[in-house]
PDB file of N, CA and C in Angstrom:
ATOM      1  N   MET A   1      67.815  36.571 117.749  1.00  0.00           N
ATOM      2  CA  MET A   1      67.844  38.024 117.745  1.00  0.00           C
ATOM      3  C   MET A   1      68.427  38.515 119.068  1.00  0.00           C
ATOM      4  N   LYS A   2      69.222  39.577 119.017  1.00  0.00           N
ATOM      5  CA  LYS A   2      69.838  40.141 120.203  1.00  0.00           C
ATOM      6  C   LYS A   2      68.823  40.978 120.978  1.00  0.00           C
ATOM      7  N   PRO A   3      68.875  40.959 122.322  1.00  0.00           N
ATOM      8  CA  PRO A   3      67.992  41.823 123.114  1.00  0.00           C
ATOM      9  C   PRO A   3      68.240  43.289 122.761  1.00  0.00           C
ATOM     10  N   GLY A   4      67.163  44.061 122.684  1.00  0.00           N
ATOM     11  CA  GLY A   4      67.288  45.470 122.363  1.00  0.00           C
ATOM     12  C   GLY A   4      67.284  45.780 120.883  1.00  0.00           C
ATOM     13  N   PHE A   5      67.219  44.767 120.044  1.00  0.00           N
ATOM     14  CA  PHE A   5      67.189  44.957 118.601  1.00  0.00           C
ATOM     15  C   PHE A   5      65.861  44.462 118.047  1.00  0.00           C
ATOM     16  N   VAL A   6      65.464  45.009 116.910  1.00  0.00           N
ATOM     17  CA  VAL A   6      64.273  44.535 116.213  1.00  0.00           C
ATOM     18  C   VAL A   6      64.675  44.139 114.802  1.00  0.00           C
ATOM     19  N   GLU A   7      63.911  43.252 114.223  1.00  0.00           N
ATOM     20  CA  GLU A   7      64.116  42.860 112.831  1.00  0.00           C
ATOM     21  C   GLU A   7      62.989  43.446 112.003  1.00  0.00           C
ATOM     22  N   VAL A   8      63.329  43.975 110.851  1.00  0.00           N
ATOM     23  CA  VAL A   8      62.360  44.579 109.938  1.00  0.00           C
ATOM     24  C   VAL A   8      62.383  43.774 108.652  1.00  0.00           C
ATOM     25  N   SER A   9      61.191  43.359 108.189  1.00  0.00           N
ATOM     26  CA  SER A   9      61.109  42.634 106.926  1.00  0.00           C
ATOM     27  C   SER A   9      60.069  43.294 106.024  1.00  0.00           C
ATOM     28  N   SER A  10      60.492  43.608 104.829  1.00  0.00           N
ATOM     29  CA  SER A  10      59.631  44.284 103.861  1.00  0.00           C
ATOM     30  C   SER A  10      58.478  43.373 103.456  1.00  0.00           C
ATOM     31  N   THR A  11      57.274  43.949 103.415  1.00  0.00           N
ATOM     32  CA  THR A  11      56.100  43.203 102.954  1.00  0.00           C
ATOM     33  C   THR A  11      55.570  43.754 101.636  1.00  0.00           C
ATOM     34  N   SER A  12      55.977  44.974 101.292  1.00  0.00           N
ATOM     35  CA  SER A  12      55.638  45.595 100.002  1.00  0.00           C
ATOM     36  C   SER A  12      56.556  46.794  99.822  1.00  0.00           C
ATOM     37  N   SER A  13      56.328  47.559  98.778  1.00  0.00           N
ATOM     38  CA  SER A  13      57.175  48.738  98.553  1.00  0.00           C
ATOM     39  C   SER A  13      56.849  49.870  99.529  1.00  0.00           C
ATOM     40  N   THR A  14      55.741  49.746 100.252  1.00  0.00           N
ATOM     41  CA  THR A  14      55.342  50.813 101.179  1.00  0.00           C
ATOM     42  C   THR A  14      55.122  50.339 102.611  1.00  0.00           C
ATOM     43  N   THR A  15      55.336  49.042 102.897  1.00  0.00           N
ATOM     44  CA  THR A  15      55.122  48.541 104.253  1.00  0.00           C
ATOM     45  C   THR A  15      56.209  47.556 104.650  1.00  0.00           C
ATOM     46  N   ALA A  16      56.382  47.414 105.957  1.00  0.00           N
ATOM     47  CA  ALA A  16      57.330  46.438 106.489  1.00  0.00           C
ATOM     48  C   ALA A  16      56.848  45.989 107.867  1.00  0.00           C
ATOM     49  N   ASN A  17      57.003  44.716 108.157  1.00  0.00           N
ATOM     50  CA  ASN A  17      56.697  44.182 109.479  1.00  0.00           C
ATOM     51  C   ASN A  17      57.922  44.323 110.366  1.00  0.00           C
ATOM     52  N   VAL A  18      57.671  44.517 111.647  1.00  0.00           N
ATOM     53  CA  VAL A  18      58.730  44.656 112.638  1.00  0.00           C
ATOM     54  C   VAL A  18      58.457  43.627 113.731  1.00  0.00           C
ATOM     55  N   THR A  19      59.533  43.063 114.300  1.00  0.00           N
ATOM     56  CA  THR A  19      59.330  42.080 115.363  1.00  0.00           C
ATOM     57  C   THR A  19      58.561  42.706 116.525  1.00  0.00           C
ATOM     58  N   GLN A  20      57.836  41.873 117.222  1.00  0.00           N
ATOM     59  CA  GLN A  20      57.019  42.325 118.347  1.00  0.00           C
ATOM     60  C   GLN A  20      57.901  42.885 119.461  1.00  0.00           C
ATOM     61  N   VAL A  21      57.339  43.850 120.175  1.00  0.00           N
ATOM     62  CA  VAL A  21      58.033  44.476 121.294  1.00  0.00           C
ATOM     63  C   VAL A  21      57.242  44.168 122.560  1.00  0.00           C
ATOM     64  N   VAL A  22      57.872  43.509 123.522  1.00  0.00           N
ATOM     65  CA  VAL A  22      57.208  43.205 124.795  1.00  0.00           C
ATOM     66  C   VAL A  22      57.280  44.458 125.656  1.00  0.00           C
ATOM     67  N   LEU A  23      56.100  45.010 125.978  1.00  0.00           N
ATOM     68  CA  LEU A  23      56.029  46.232 126.764  1.00  0.00           C
ATOM     69  C   LEU A  23      55.996  45.948 128.261  1.00  0.00           C
ATOM     70  N   ARG A  24      55.337  44.860 128.632  1.00  0.00           N
ATOM     71  CA  ARG A  24      55.198  44.486 130.038  1.00  0.00           C
ATOM     72  C   ARG A  24      55.122  42.975 130.102  1.00  0.00           C
ATOM     73  N   GLU A  25      55.860  42.374 131.035  1.00  0.00           N
ATOM     74  CA  GLU A  25      55.836  40.916 131.137  1.00  0.00           C
ATOM     75  C   GLU A  25      55.865  40.482 132.591  1.00  0.00           C
ATOM     76  N   GLY A  26      54.935  39.591 132.924  1.00  0.00           N
ATOM     77  CA  GLY A  26      54.904  38.961 134.237  1.00  0.00           C
ATOM     78  C   GLY A  26      55.070  37.463 134.056  1.00  0.00           C
ATOM     79  N   SER A  27      54.860  36.725 135.112  1.00  0.00           N
ATOM     80  CA  SER A  27      55.056  35.279 135.014  1.00  0.00           C
ATOM     81  C   SER A  27      53.951  34.596 134.203  1.00  0.00           C
ATOM     82  N   ARG A  28      52.737  35.175 134.165  1.00  0.00           N
ATOM     83  CA  ARG A  28      51.618  34.544 133.459  1.00  0.00           C
ATOM     84  C   ARG A  28      51.014  35.405 132.347  1.00  0.00           C
ATOM     85  N   LYS A  29      51.312  36.706 132.321  1.00  0.00           N
ATOM     86  CA  LYS A  29      50.729  37.629 131.339  1.00  0.00           C
ATOM     87  C   LYS A  29      51.813  38.524 130.766  1.00  0.00           C
ATOM     88  N   ARG A  30      51.618  38.938 129.524  1.00  0.00           N
ATOM     89  CA  ARG A  30      52.483  39.959 128.962  1.00  0.00           C
ATOM     90  C   ARG A  30      51.714  40.792 127.949  1.00  0.00           C
ATOM     91  N   LEU A  31      52.141  42.033 127.784  1.00  0.00           N
ATOM     92  CA  LEU A  31      51.554  42.967 126.830  1.00  0.00           C
ATOM     93  C   LEU A  31      52.574  43.190 125.724  1.00  0.00           C
ATOM     94  N   VAL A  32      52.130  43.011 124.481  1.00  0.00           N
ATOM     95  CA  VAL A  32      53.026  43.069 123.328  1.00  0.00           C
ATOM     96  C   VAL A  32      52.495  44.084 122.317  1.00  0.00           C
ATOM     97  N   PHE A  33      53.406  44.860 121.739  1.00  0.00           N
ATOM     98  CA  PHE A  33      53.081  45.760 120.648  1.00  0.00           C
ATOM     99  C   PHE A  33      53.619  45.146 119.365  1.00  0.00           C
ATOM    100  N   SER A  34      52.744  44.984 118.365  1.00  0.00           N
ATOM    101  CA  SER A  34      53.136  44.439 117.056  1.00  0.00           C
ATOM    102  C   SER A  34      53.131  45.585 116.049  1.00  0.00           C
ATOM    103  N   PRO A  35      54.292  46.189 115.777  1.00  0.00           N
ATOM    104  CA  PRO A  35      54.347  47.345 114.882  1.00  0.00           C
ATOM    105  C   PRO A  35      54.444  46.973 113.410  1.00  0.00           C
ATOM    106  N   GLU A  36      54.019  47.912 112.588  1.00  0.00           N
ATOM    107  CA  GLU A  36      54.168  47.814 111.139  1.00  0.00           C
ATOM    108  C   GLU A  36      54.599  49.189 110.644  1.00  0.00           C
ATOM    109  N   LEU A  37      55.638  49.242 109.848  1.00  0.00           N
ATOM    110  CA  LEU A  37      56.081  50.494 109.247  1.00  0.00           C
ATOM    111  C   LEU A  37      55.312  50.710 107.954  1.00  0.00           C
ATOM    112  N   VAL A  38      54.797  51.911 107.763  1.00  0.00           N
ATOM    113  CA  VAL A  38      54.007  52.223 106.573  1.00  0.00           C
ATOM    114  C   VAL A  38      54.467  53.547 105.974  1.00  0.00           C
ATOM    115  N   GLU A  39      54.330  53.666 104.678  1.00  0.00           N
ATOM    116  CA  GLU A  39      54.612  54.948 104.031  1.00  0.00           C
ATOM    117  C   GLU A  39      53.381  55.823 104.232  1.00  0.00           C
ATOM    118  N   ASN A  40      53.566  56.935 104.899  1.00  0.00           N
ATOM    119  CA  ASN A  40      52.465  57.851 105.173  1.00  0.00           C
ATOM    120  C   ASN A  40      52.834  59.194 104.555  1.00  0.00           C
ATOM    121  N   THR A  41      52.468  59.372 103.289  1.00  0.00           N
ATOM    122  CA  THR A  41      52.853  60.590 102.572  1.00  0.00           C
ATOM    123  C   THR A  41      52.166  61.821 103.141  1.00  0.00           C
ATOM    124  N   GLY A  42      50.996  61.675 103.723  1.00  0.00           N
ATOM    125  CA  GLY A  42      50.279  62.802 104.300  1.00  0.00           C
ATOM    126  C   GLY A  42      50.889  63.298 105.591  1.00  0.00           C
ATOM    127  N   GLU A  43      51.489  62.381 106.367  1.00  0.00           N
ATOM    128  CA  GLU A  43      52.121  62.747 107.636  1.00  0.00           C
ATOM    129  C   GLU A  43      53.318  61.818 107.871  1.00  0.00           C
ATOM    130  N   PRO A  44      54.439  62.121 107.243  1.00  0.00           N
ATOM    131  CA  PRO A  44      55.602  61.226 107.294  1.00  0.00           C
ATOM    132  C   PRO A  44      56.094  60.886 108.697  1.00  0.00           C
ATOM    133  N   ALA A  45      55.893  61.768 109.670  1.00  0.00           N
ATOM    134  CA  ALA A  45      56.338  61.483 111.043  1.00  0.00           C
ATOM    135  C   ALA A  45      55.479  60.402 111.699  1.00  0.00           C
ATOM    136  N   ALA A  46      54.324  60.102 111.128  1.00  0.00           N
ATOM    137  CA  ALA A  46      53.421  59.084 111.670  1.00  0.00           C
ATOM    138  C   ALA A  46      53.439  57.862 110.755  1.00  0.00           C
ATOM    139  N   SER A  47      54.575  57.199 110.697  1.00  0.00           N
ATOM    140  CA  SER A  47      54.742  56.075 109.776  1.00  0.00           C
ATOM    141  C   SER A  47      54.773  54.720 110.463  1.00  0.00           C
ATOM    142  N   VAL A  48      54.220  54.654 111.677  1.00  0.00           N
ATOM    143  CA  VAL A  48      54.139  53.387 112.400  1.00  0.00           C
ATOM    144  C   VAL A  48      52.692  53.160 112.794  1.00  0.00           C
ATOM    145  N   ARG A  49      52.203  51.975 112.501  1.00  0.00           N
ATOM    146  CA  ARG A  49      50.891  51.581 113.016  1.00  0.00           C
ATOM    147  C   ARG A  49      51.086  50.224 113.676  1.00  0.00           C
ATOM    148  N   GLY A  50      50.144  49.844 114.504  1.00  0.00           N
ATOM    149  CA  GLY A  50      50.340  48.569 115.170  1.00  0.00           C
ATOM    150  C   GLY A  50      49.168  48.164 116.028  1.00  0.00           C
ATOM    151  N   GLU A  51      49.385  47.097 116.744  1.00  0.00           N
ATOM    152  CA  GLU A  51      48.331  46.520 117.572  1.00  0.00           C
ATOM    153  C   GLU A  51      48.917  46.131 118.921  1.00  0.00           C
ATOM    154  N   LEU A  52      48.149  46.397 119.968  1.00  0.00           N
ATOM    155  CA  LEU A  52      48.512  45.951 121.302  1.00  0.00           C
ATOM    156  C   LEU A  52      47.751  44.662 121.585  1.00  0.00           C
ATOM    157  N   ALA A  53      48.419  43.690 122.168  1.00  0.00           N
ATOM    158  CA  ALA A  53      47.757  42.414 122.483  1.00  0.00           C
ATOM    159  C   ALA A  53      48.328  41.849 123.779  1.00  0.00           C
ATOM    160  N   TYR A  54      47.449  41.266 124.570  1.00  0.00           N
ATOM    161  CA  TYR A  54      47.871  40.546 125.766  1.00  0.00           C
ATOM    162  C   TYR A  54      48.071  39.084 125.416  1.00  0.00           C
ATOM    163  N   PHE A  55      49.040  38.467 126.040  1.00  0.00           N
ATOM    164  CA  PHE A  55      49.295  37.037 125.912  1.00  0.00           C
ATOM    165  C   PHE A  55      49.267  36.438 127.310  1.00  0.00           C
ATOM    166  N   SER A  56      48.735  35.225 127.428  1.00  0.00           N
ATOM    167  CA  SER A  56      48.699  34.501 128.691  1.00  0.00           C
ATOM    168  C   SER A  56      49.383  33.161 128.503  1.00  0.00           C
ATOM    169  N   LYS A  57      49.946  32.650 129.582  1.00  0.00           N
ATOM    170  CA  LYS A  57      50.546  31.316 129.517  1.00  0.00           C
ATOM    171  C   LYS A  57      49.438  30.281 129.653  1.00  0.00           C
ATOM    172  N   ASN A  58      49.466  29.266 128.780  1.00  0.00           N
ATOM    173  CA  ASN A  58      48.464  28.205 128.839  1.00  0.00           C
ATOM    174  C   ASN A  58      48.958  27.077 129.748  1.00  0.00           C
ATOM    175  N   ALA A  59      48.210  26.000 129.804  1.00  0.00           N
ATOM    176  CA  ALA A  59      48.555  24.876 130.676  1.00  0.00           C
ATOM    177  C   ALA A  59      49.897  24.253 130.317  1.00  0.00           C
ATOM    178  N   ALA A  60      50.302  24.352 129.054  1.00  0.00           N
ATOM    179  CA  ALA A  60      51.591  23.808 128.602  1.00  0.00           C
ATOM    180  C   ALA A  60      52.733  24.812 128.809  1.00  0.00           C
ATOM    181  N   ASP A  61      52.445  25.929 129.500  1.00  0.00           N
ATOM    182  CA  ASP A  61      53.418  26.968 129.798  1.00  0.00           C
ATOM    183  C   ASP A  61      53.942  27.665 128.540  1.00  0.00           C
ATOM    184  N   GLU A  62      53.062  27.787 127.522  1.00  0.00           N
ATOM    185  CA  GLU A  62      53.399  28.487 126.276  1.00  0.00           C
ATOM    186  C   GLU A  62      52.557  29.759 126.192  1.00  0.00           C
ATOM    187  N   TRP A  63      53.115  30.794 125.568  1.00  0.00           N
ATOM    188  CA  TRP A  63      52.374  32.043 125.399  1.00  0.00           C
ATOM    189  C   TRP A  63      51.265  31.850 124.378  1.00  0.00           C
ATOM    190  N   GLU A  64      50.068  32.277 124.749  1.00  0.00           N
ATOM    191  CA  GLU A  64      48.886  32.180 123.894  1.00  0.00           C
ATOM    192  C   GLU A  64      48.229  33.552 123.848  1.00  0.00           C
ATOM    193  N   ARG A  65      47.898  33.986 122.649  1.00  0.00           N
ATOM    194  CA  ARG A  65      47.326  35.326 122.477  1.00  0.00           C
ATOM    195  C   ARG A  65      45.906  35.410 123.032  1.00  0.00           C
ATOM    196  N   ASP A  66      45.651  36.473 123.813  1.00  0.00           N
ATOM    197  CA  ASP A  66      44.309  36.771 124.295  1.00  0.00           C
ATOM    198  C   ASP A  66      43.552  37.520 123.200  1.00  0.00           C
ATOM    199  N   GLN A  67      42.368  37.972 123.489  1.00  0.00           N
ATOM    200  CA  GLN A  67      41.599  38.755 122.525  1.00  0.00           C
ATOM    201  C   GLN A  67      42.365  40.040 122.202  1.00  0.00           C
ATOM    202  N   PRO A  68      42.332  40.499 120.937  1.00  0.00           N
ATOM    203  CA  PRO A  68      43.048  41.722 120.566  1.00  0.00           C
ATOM    204  C   PRO A  68      42.563  42.937 121.353  1.00  0.00           C
ATOM    205  N   PHE A  69      43.475  43.863 121.575  1.00  0.00           N
ATOM    206  CA  PHE A  69      43.183  45.132 122.229  1.00  0.00           C
ATOM    207  C   PHE A  69      43.170  46.190 121.141  1.00  0.00           C
ATOM    208  N   HIS A  70      42.073  46.923 121.019  1.00  0.00           N
ATOM    209  CA  HIS A  70      41.972  47.962 119.994  1.00  0.00           C
ATOM    210  C   HIS A  70      41.962  49.326 120.669  1.00  0.00           C
ATOM    211  N   SER A  71      42.767  50.246 120.172  1.00  0.00           N
ATOM    212  CA  SER A  71      42.861  51.570 120.786  1.00  0.00           C
ATOM    213  C   SER A  71      41.522  52.303 120.766  1.00  0.00           C
ATOM    214  N   THR A  72      40.629  51.954 119.867  1.00  0.00           N
ATOM    215  CA  THR A  72      39.330  52.620 119.804  1.00  0.00           C
ATOM    216  C   THR A  72      38.467  52.285 121.008  1.00  0.00           C
ATOM    217  N   SER A  73      38.797  51.206 121.726  1.00  0.00           N
ATOM    218  CA  SER A  73      37.997  50.831 122.899  1.00  0.00           C
ATOM    219  C   SER A  73      38.505  51.496 124.169  1.00  0.00           C
ATOM    220  N   CYS A  74      39.575  52.282 124.067  1.00  0.00           N
ATOM    221  CA  CYS A  74      40.156  52.927 125.236  1.00  0.00           C
ATOM    222  C   CYS A  74      40.410  54.400 124.915  1.00  0.00           C
ATOM    223  N   PRO A  75      39.567  55.305 125.413  1.00  0.00           N
ATOM    224  CA  PRO A  75      39.723  56.723 125.077  1.00  0.00           C
ATOM    225  C   PRO A  75      41.083  57.297 125.460  1.00  0.00           C
ATOM    226  N   GLN A  76      41.689  56.844 126.571  1.00  0.00           N
ATOM    227  CA  GLN A  76      42.987  57.372 126.981  1.00  0.00           C
ATOM    228  C   GLN A  76      44.061  57.029 125.956  1.00  0.00           C
ATOM    229  N   VAL A  77      44.050  55.802 125.458  1.00  0.00           N
ATOM    230  CA  VAL A  77      45.036  55.396 124.454  1.00  0.00           C
ATOM    231  C   VAL A  77      44.780  56.138 123.152  1.00  0.00           C
ATOM    232  N   ARG A  78      43.511  56.243 122.749  1.00  0.00           N
ATOM    233  CA  ARG A  78      43.167  56.937 121.511  1.00  0.00           C
ATOM    234  C   ARG A  78      43.632  58.393 121.575  1.00  0.00           C
ATOM    235  N   ALA A  79      43.445  59.049 122.723  1.00  0.00           N
ATOM    236  CA  ALA A  79      43.862  60.440 122.874  1.00  0.00           C
ATOM    237  C   ALA A  79      45.376  60.561 122.809  1.00  0.00           C
ATOM    238  N   PHE A  80      46.088  59.638 123.447  1.00  0.00           N
ATOM    239  CA  PHE A  80      47.552  59.666 123.428  1.00  0.00           C
ATOM    240  C   PHE A  80      48.069  59.457 122.015  1.00  0.00           C
ATOM    241  N   VAL A  81      47.525  58.475 121.313  1.00  0.00           N
ATOM    242  CA  VAL A  81      47.990  58.156 119.967  1.00  0.00           C
ATOM    243  C   VAL A  81      47.711  59.301 119.018  1.00  0.00           C
ATOM    244  N   SER A  82      46.529  59.895 119.092  1.00  0.00           N
ATOM    245  CA  SER A  82      46.190  60.979 118.161  1.00  0.00           C
ATOM    246  C   SER A  82      46.998  62.237 118.450  1.00  0.00           C
ATOM    247  N   SER A  83      47.468  62.423 119.693  1.00  0.00           N
ATOM    248  CA  SER A  83      48.254  63.602 120.005  1.00  0.00           C
ATOM    249  C   SER A  83      49.736  63.381 119.738  1.00  0.00           C
ATOM    250  N   SER A  84      50.119  62.151 119.453  1.00  0.00           N
ATOM    251  CA  SER A  84      51.528  61.820 119.235  1.00  0.00           C
ATOM    252  C   SER A  84      51.849  61.845 117.754  1.00  0.00           C
ATOM    253  N   ALA A  85      52.975  62.453 117.405  1.00  0.00           N
ATOM    254  CA  ALA A  85      53.420  62.464 116.005  1.00  0.00           C
ATOM    255  C   ALA A  85      54.241  61.232 115.676  1.00  0.00           C
ATOM    256  N   VAL A  86      54.431  60.369 116.664  1.00  0.00           N
ATOM    257  CA  VAL A  86      55.294  59.210 116.468  1.00  0.00           C
ATOM    258  C   VAL A  86      54.544  58.013 115.897  1.00  0.00           C
ATOM    259  N   ALA A  87      53.335  57.772 116.331  1.00  0.00           N
ATOM    260  CA  ALA A  87      52.650  56.555 115.904  1.00  0.00           C
ATOM    261  C   ALA A  87      51.170  56.794 115.720  1.00  0.00           C
ATOM    262  N   SER A  88      50.580  55.965 114.888  1.00  0.00           N
ATOM    263  CA  SER A  88      49.129  55.943 114.760  1.00  0.00           C
ATOM    264  C   SER A  88      48.701  54.496 114.669  1.00  0.00           C
ATOM    265  N   CYS A  89      47.752  54.124 115.489  1.00  0.00           N
ATOM    266  CA  CYS A  89      47.286  52.725 115.512  1.00  0.00           C
ATOM    267  C   CYS A  89      46.016  52.604 114.698  1.00  0.00           C
TER     268      CYS A  89
END
């Protein structure tokens, strides 16, 4: 895949998976957003949902997923997401 591009693959007639987007990356940690496109008939502008997750490098120098990050555990993220017409997690 080319840098700056994402791949979208249909999972049903109303959903599609999108390749992960690295939001922040260091030598040992990175933050990744895993988006999913959904048909949202009630609010068409909010047709993206997803999950934020941290990854750490293990002893073999491979990325390994940390515990999932849920927006409900962070009031600042929840407030930003609910005020945004672009995405809902």
